Amino acid sequence: MSNTDPSSDKIRFHCTSCGVRLAAPAKHGGATIRCPKCESELPVPVTSEPDPAALRREWSLARCPSCEEVSKVRAENHDRPVVCASCGEAMIVSA
């Protein structure tokens, strides 16, 4: 994954005070800016934050067949035994 958005050469990040999504030219990485929403000063990261959609693809939800509790399971653990955090029952989560 590229550090910047190749189509616009922008660094994408969130304000650490109010959470608004921001973008700045890659050449401003490391500089301090003022948030246009809350006016807090914050540093522009050197690289973009991970894409939330990509992070969601790394996890899946699984319902325990014993207690019906829903748990998050990392994609790397699909098709392997995982233990339900609620009841301790082992289960296999398919991709």
C-alpha atoms as a PDB file:
ATOM      1  CA  MET A   1       0.000   0.000   0.000  1.00  0.00           C
ATOM      2  CA  SER A   2       1.282   3.420  -0.905  1.00  0.00           C
ATOM      3  CA  ASN A   3       1.946   6.033   1.765  1.00  0.00           C
ATOM      4  CA  THR A   4      -0.033   8.622  -0.147  1.00  0.00           C
ATOM      5  CA  ASP A   5      -3.039   8.545  -2.419  1.00  0.00           C
ATOM      6  CA  PRO A   6      -1.467   8.167  -5.878  1.00  0.00           C
ATOM      7  CA  SER A   7      -4.334   9.877  -7.679  1.00  0.00           C
ATOM      8  CA  SER A   8      -3.960  13.124  -5.764  1.00  0.00           C
ATOM      9  CA  ASP A   9      -0.654  12.829  -3.853  1.00  0.00           C
ATOM     10  CA  LYS A  10      -2.458  13.593  -0.567  1.00  0.00           C
ATOM     11  CA  ILE A  11      -1.942  12.317   2.960  1.00  0.00           C
ATOM     12  CA  ARG A  12      -5.264  11.309   4.525  1.00  0.00           C
ATOM     13  CA  PHE A  13      -5.709  11.491   8.318  1.00  0.00           C
ATOM     14  CA  HIS A  14      -8.095  12.505  11.121  1.00  0.00           C
ATOM     15  CA  CYS A  15      -7.962  15.466  13.493  1.00  0.00           C
ATOM     16  CA  THR A  16      -6.862  14.155  16.893  1.00  0.00           C
ATOM     17  CA  SER A  17      -9.217  16.598  18.651  1.00  0.00           C
ATOM     18  CA  CYS A  18     -12.531  16.465  16.769  1.00  0.00           C
ATOM     19  CA  GLY A  19     -12.078  13.430  14.480  1.00  0.00           C
ATOM     20  CA  VAL A  20     -12.848  15.197  11.197  1.00  0.00           C
ATOM     21  CA  ARG A  21     -11.275  13.523   8.138  1.00  0.00           C
ATOM     22  CA  LEU A  22      -8.520  15.671   6.625  1.00  0.00           C
ATOM     23  CA  ALA A  23      -6.187  15.567   3.646  1.00  0.00           C
ATOM     24  CA  ALA A  24      -3.010  17.509   3.014  1.00  0.00           C
ATOM     25  CA  PRO A  25      -0.508  17.551   0.168  1.00  0.00           C
ATOM     26  CA  ALA A  26       2.180  14.908   0.736  1.00  0.00           C
ATOM     27  CA  LYS A  27       4.851  17.616   0.735  1.00  0.00           C
ATOM     28  CA  HIS A  28       3.332  18.920   4.026  1.00  0.00           C
ATOM     29  CA  GLY A  29       3.969  15.647   5.896  1.00  0.00           C
ATOM     30  CA  GLY A  30       5.461  16.525   9.293  1.00  0.00           C
ATOM     31  CA  ALA A  31       4.234  20.135   9.201  1.00  0.00           C
ATOM     32  CA  THR A  32       1.772  21.540  11.744  1.00  0.00           C
ATOM     33  CA  ILE A  33      -1.646  22.661  10.512  1.00  0.00           C
ATOM     34  CA  ARG A  34      -4.831  24.054  12.050  1.00  0.00           C
ATOM     35  CA  CYS A  35      -7.971  21.920  11.785  1.00  0.00           C
ATOM     36  CA  PRO A  36     -10.593  23.774   9.735  1.00  0.00           C
ATOM     37  CA  LYS A  37     -13.400  22.452  11.970  1.00  0.00           C
ATOM     38  CA  CYS A  38     -12.155  22.813  15.570  1.00  0.00           C
ATOM     39  CA  GLU A  39      -9.087  25.011  14.938  1.00  0.00           C
ATOM     40  CA  SER A  40      -6.772  22.744  16.964  1.00  0.00           C
ATOM     41  CA  GLU A  41      -3.169  22.613  15.840  1.00  0.00           C
ATOM     42  CA  LEU A  42      -1.993  19.166  14.821  1.00  0.00           C
ATOM     43  CA  PRO A  43       0.890  17.625  12.899  1.00  0.00           C
ATOM     44  CA  VAL A  44       0.310  16.253   9.408  1.00  0.00           C
ATOM     45  CA  PRO A  45       1.456  12.614   9.520  1.00  0.00           C
ATOM     46  CA  VAL A  46       4.222  11.574   7.162  1.00  0.00           C
ATOM     47  CA  THR A  47       2.044   8.761   5.760  1.00  0.00           C
ATOM     48  CA  SER A  48      -1.700   8.280   5.317  1.00  0.00           C
ATOM     49  CA  GLU A  49      -3.764   6.434   7.901  1.00  0.00           C
ATOM     50  CA  PRO A  50      -4.835   2.953   6.817  1.00  0.00           C
ATOM     51  CA  ASP A  51      -7.995   2.779   4.729  1.00  0.00           C
ATOM     52  CA  PRO A  52     -10.868   1.821   7.088  1.00  0.00           C
ATOM     53  CA  ALA A  53     -12.350  -0.447   4.411  1.00  0.00           C
ATOM     54  CA  ALA A  54      -9.068  -2.356   4.187  1.00  0.00           C
ATOM     55  CA  LEU A  55      -9.004  -2.765   7.959  1.00  0.00           C
ATOM     56  CA  ARG A  56     -12.532  -4.155   7.941  1.00  0.00           C
ATOM     57  CA  ARG A  57     -11.458  -6.819   5.435  1.00  0.00           C
ATOM     58  CA  GLU A  58      -8.879  -8.059   7.959  1.00  0.00           C
ATOM     59  CA  TRP A  59     -11.635  -9.049  10.410  1.00  0.00           C
ATOM     60  CA  SER A  60     -14.894 -10.968  10.245  1.00  0.00           C
ATOM     61  CA  LEU A  61     -17.707 -11.539  12.701  1.00  0.00           C
ATOM     62  CA  ALA A  62     -18.504 -15.029  13.918  1.00  0.00           C
ATOM     63  CA  ARG A  63     -21.378 -16.263  16.072  1.00  0.00           C
ATOM     64  CA  CYS A  64     -20.448 -18.956  18.576  1.00  0.00           C
ATOM     65  CA  PRO A  65     -22.575 -22.056  17.950  1.00  0.00           C
ATOM     66  CA  SER A  66     -22.721 -22.774  21.698  1.00  0.00           C
ATOM     67  CA  CYS A  67     -23.553 -19.434  23.346  1.00  0.00           C
ATOM     68  CA  GLU A  68     -24.549 -17.315  20.291  1.00  0.00           C
ATOM     69  CA  GLU A  69     -22.064 -14.562  21.295  1.00  0.00           C
ATOM     70  CA  VAL A  70     -20.678 -12.615  18.313  1.00  0.00           C
ATOM     71  CA  SER A  71     -16.895 -12.215  18.187  1.00  0.00           C
ATOM     72  CA  LYS A  72     -14.425 -10.517  15.863  1.00  0.00           C
ATOM     73  CA  VAL A  73     -12.001 -12.952  14.235  1.00  0.00           C
ATOM     74  CA  ARG A  74      -8.869 -11.955  12.320  1.00  0.00           C
ATOM     75  CA  ALA A  75      -8.804 -13.139   8.714  1.00  0.00           C
ATOM     76  CA  GLU A  76      -5.529 -14.974   9.379  1.00  0.00           C
ATOM     77  CA  ASN A  77      -7.439 -17.224  11.830  1.00  0.00           C
ATOM     78  CA  HIS A  78     -10.115 -18.293   9.344  1.00  0.00           C
ATOM     79  CA  ASP A  79     -10.370 -22.063   8.953  1.00  0.00           C
ATOM     80  CA  ARG A  80      -8.482 -22.580  12.229  1.00  0.00           C
ATOM     81  CA  PRO A  81      -9.875 -23.355  15.671  1.00  0.00           C
ATOM     82  CA  VAL A  82     -10.564 -20.194  17.680  1.00  0.00           C
ATOM     83  CA  VAL A  83     -11.908 -19.982  21.219  1.00  0.00           C
ATOM     84  CA  CYS A  84     -15.072 -18.035  22.044  1.00  0.00           C
ATOM     85  CA  ALA A  85     -14.160 -15.286  24.510  1.00  0.00           C
ATOM     86  CA  SER A  86     -17.540 -15.670  26.199  1.00  0.00           C
ATOM     87  CA  CYS A  87     -17.914 -19.392  26.835  1.00  0.00           C
ATOM     88  CA  GLY A  88     -14.501 -20.840  25.931  1.00  0.00           C
ATOM     89  CA  GLU A  89     -15.919 -23.181  23.293  1.00  0.00           C
ATOM     90  CA  ALA A  90     -13.660 -23.882  20.290  1.00  0.00           C
ATOM     91  CA  MET A  91     -15.093 -23.075  16.872  1.00  0.00           C
ATOM     92  CA  ILE A  92     -13.897 -22.928  13.263  1.00  0.00           C
ATOM     93  CA  VAL A  93     -14.617 -19.731  11.348  1.00  0.00           C
ATOM     94  CA  SER A  94     -14.702 -20.078   7.557  1.00  0.00           C
ATOM     95  CA  ALA A  95     -13.568 -17.284   5.271  1.00  0.00           C
END
